[in-house]
Amino acid sequence: MGRGFRLQARARPLLTIFVDTSVWSLALRRDRVPDGPEVRRLRDALADGEPLHTTGIVLQELLQGYGEPKARSAIVERFAALPLITPTRSDHVDAAGLRNRCRREGVQVGTIDALLAQLCIRHDLVMLSTDRDFTRIAARSHLRLWQPDA
C-alpha cells in the first residue's frame, strides 16, 4: 500500500441499525439523558456515521411525546436525514404471522412491535431497543437484536 496509508481496525463491526422508539426517547430527553448501553451505542453510531433507519410509526410515537411545536419541528428536521422504511402489504401480512406465532407459543407482543420486528427481518437490520418484547420476538424469529459486549 502507498506510503502514509494505514488501515485502522474498527472497534466494532459496521451494522445497519434500526433504532426503536424506546432508545430515541431516552436519547432525546432534555432533563437527564441516561447513559445506558443502548443510548451510548446510538451516540457512537451517529458520531461514526453508521447507517441508521427508522419508519413512520417510530417518528409518530416520538412526536406524540412532544406537545410544543418548536420541539416537534426539531424532531421532524432531525429525522429527515434518516432513511424511512415504508411497510408493504407483505410486511403487514408477515407481521401478523409473526405475532400469531408468538401468541401460539404463549408470548403476547403488540401489533406495532411485530411490524417493527418484521421490517428489521426483511431489511436485515439490527434492532436497537430497550423494549424486552423484542427479546421474546427474537427468540421465535430471525430478528437480530443489538447486544452490549459481555
Protein backbone atom coordinates (compact mmCIF):
# COMPACT_ATOMS: atom_id res chain seq x y z
CA MET A 1 0.00 0.00 0.00
CA GLY A 2 1.06 3.58 -0.52
CA ARG A 3 3.27 5.36 1.93
CA GLY A 4 1.37 7.09 4.70
CA PHE A 5 -1.72 4.95 4.17
CA ARG A 6 -2.72 2.97 7.21
CA LEU A 7 -5.78 0.82 7.77
CA GLN A 8 -7.47 1.25 11.09
CA ALA A 9 -9.35 -1.61 12.64
CA ARG A 10 -12.85 -0.73 13.73
CA ALA A 11 -13.59 -1.33 17.38
CA ARG A 12 -16.87 -2.95 16.34
CA PRO A 13 -18.36 -4.18 13.08
CA LEU A 14 -20.37 -1.76 10.98
CA LEU A 15 -24.05 -2.61 11.38
CA THR A 16 -27.15 -1.27 9.76
CA ILE A 17 -29.26 -0.38 12.76
CA PHE A 18 -32.97 0.21 13.26
CA VAL A 19 -33.43 2.39 16.34
CA ASP A 20 -36.64 1.74 18.25
CA THR A 21 -38.70 4.47 19.91
CA SER A 22 -37.51 3.35 23.35
CA VAL A 23 -33.90 4.33 22.60
CA TRP A 24 -34.73 7.56 20.76
CA SER A 25 -36.93 8.61 23.69
CA LEU A 26 -34.09 8.13 26.14
CA ALA A 27 -31.51 9.82 23.90
CA LEU A 28 -33.70 12.87 23.24
CA ARG A 29 -34.60 13.56 26.88
CA ARG A 30 -33.99 17.13 27.92
CA ASP A 31 -33.64 16.70 31.66
CA ARG A 32 -31.08 13.92 32.01
CA VAL A 33 -30.02 11.64 29.20
CA PRO A 34 -29.45 8.17 30.63
CA ASP A 35 -26.07 6.68 29.86
CA GLY A 36 -27.25 3.13 29.25
CA PRO A 37 -25.54 0.90 26.69
CA GLU A 38 -28.26 1.40 24.06
CA VAL A 39 -28.02 5.20 24.23
CA ARG A 40 -24.21 5.01 24.09
CA ARG A 41 -24.48 2.74 21.03
CA LEU A 42 -26.82 5.21 19.32
CA ARG A 43 -24.46 8.08 20.14
CA ASP A 44 -21.49 6.14 18.74
CA ALA A 45 -23.39 5.20 15.58
CA LEU A 46 -24.34 8.83 14.98
CA ALA A 47 -20.78 10.01 15.60
CA ASP A 48 -19.32 7.34 13.27
CA GLY A 49 -21.85 7.95 10.50
CA GLU A 50 -23.18 4.41 10.68
CA PRO A 51 -26.36 3.74 8.73
CA LEU A 52 -29.47 4.15 10.89
CA HIS A 53 -33.04 3.52 9.75
CA THR A 54 -36.48 4.34 11.04
CA THR A 55 -40.09 4.11 9.98
CA GLY A 56 -43.08 6.41 10.15
CA ILE A 57 -44.55 4.79 13.25
CA VAL A 58 -41.36 5.44 15.27
CA LEU A 59 -41.41 9.08 14.18
CA GLN A 60 -45.11 9.28 15.07
CA GLU A 61 -44.57 7.74 18.51
CA LEU A 62 -41.78 10.23 19.24
CA LEU A 63 -43.79 13.23 18.07
CA GLN A 64 -46.71 12.22 20.28
CA GLY A 65 -44.43 12.87 23.26
CA TYR A 66 -43.76 16.49 22.28
CA GLY A 67 -46.60 18.99 22.57
CA GLU A 68 -44.57 22.09 21.81
CA PRO A 69 -44.44 22.91 18.05
CA LYS A 70 -40.80 24.01 18.19
CA ALA A 71 -39.68 20.71 19.74
CA ARG A 72 -41.78 18.74 17.26
CA SER A 73 -40.25 20.63 14.33
CA ALA A 74 -36.75 19.90 15.62
CA ILE A 75 -37.53 16.16 15.75
CA VAL A 76 -39.01 16.20 12.24
CA GLU A 77 -35.93 18.04 10.95
CA ARG A 78 -33.50 15.61 12.60
CA PHE A 79 -35.35 12.57 11.31
CA ALA A 80 -35.42 13.91 7.75
CA ALA A 81 -31.81 12.73 7.39
CA LEU A 82 -32.71 9.09 8.17
CA PRO A 83 -33.95 6.61 5.59
CA LEU A 84 -37.63 5.98 6.22
CA ILE A 85 -38.72 2.38 5.66
CA THR A 86 -42.30 2.08 4.46
CA PRO A 87 -44.04 -1.21 5.27
CA THR A 88 -45.52 -3.11 2.35
CA ARG A 89 -48.66 -5.21 2.31
CA SER A 90 -46.41 -8.24 2.63
CA ASP A 91 -44.77 -6.77 5.74
CA HIS A 92 -48.16 -6.41 7.40
CA VAL A 93 -49.12 -9.98 6.47
CA ASP A 94 -45.80 -11.35 7.73
CA ALA A 95 -46.00 -9.26 10.92
CA ALA A 96 -49.42 -10.77 11.65
CA GLY A 97 -47.92 -14.22 11.14
CA LEU A 98 -45.05 -13.37 13.48
CA ARG A 99 -47.45 -12.10 16.14
CA ASN A 100 -49.61 -15.23 15.78
CA ARG A 101 -46.54 -17.49 16.11
CA CYS A 102 -45.54 -15.70 19.31
CA ARG A 103 -49.08 -15.98 20.69
CA ARG A 104 -49.19 -19.74 19.93
CA GLU A 105 -46.02 -20.05 21.98
CA GLY A 106 -47.59 -18.16 24.89
CA VAL A 107 -45.94 -14.80 24.24
CA GLN A 108 -48.04 -11.68 23.77
CA VAL A 109 -46.48 -8.96 21.64
CA GLY A 110 -48.01 -5.77 20.35
CA THR A 111 -49.06 -5.20 16.77
CA ILE A 112 -46.57 -2.36 16.28
CA ASP A 113 -43.69 -4.34 17.80
CA ALA A 114 -44.45 -7.24 15.46
CA LEU A 115 -44.41 -4.87 12.47
CA LEU A 116 -41.13 -3.24 13.52
CA ALA A 117 -39.56 -6.67 14.03
CA GLN A 118 -40.77 -7.78 10.61
CA LEU A 119 -39.28 -4.68 8.96
CA CYS A 120 -35.92 -5.45 10.59
CA ILE A 121 -36.09 -9.06 9.43
CA ARG A 122 -36.95 -8.15 5.83
CA HIS A 123 -34.34 -5.40 5.55
CA ASP A 124 -31.67 -7.32 7.52
CA LEU A 125 -31.41 -4.58 10.15
CA VAL A 126 -30.20 -4.95 13.71
CA MET A 127 -32.80 -3.75 16.24
CA LEU A 128 -31.52 -1.34 18.90
CA SER A 129 -34.11 -1.24 21.67
CA THR A 130 -34.63 -1.34 25.42
CA ASP A 131 -38.05 -2.97 24.94
CA ARG A 132 -37.85 -6.58 26.17
CA ASP A 133 -40.73 -7.61 23.89
CA PHE A 134 -38.17 -7.69 21.09
CA THR A 135 -36.09 -10.22 23.04
CA ARG A 136 -39.13 -12.50 23.16
CA ILE A 137 -39.79 -11.95 19.44
CA ALA A 138 -36.13 -12.65 18.56
CA ALA A 139 -36.31 -16.00 20.37
CA ARG A 140 -39.07 -17.02 17.94
CA SER A 141 -37.88 -15.44 14.69
CA HIS A 142 -34.90 -14.24 12.69
CA LEU A 143 -34.92 -10.83 14.37
CA ARG A 144 -31.39 -9.71 15.21
CA LEU A 145 -31.02 -7.62 18.36
CA TRP A 146 -28.09 -5.44 19.28
CA GLN A 147 -26.43 -6.77 22.42
CA PRO A 148 -23.88 -4.89 24.53
CA ASP A 149 -20.46 -6.53 24.68
CA ALA A 150 -20.30 -9.02 27.51
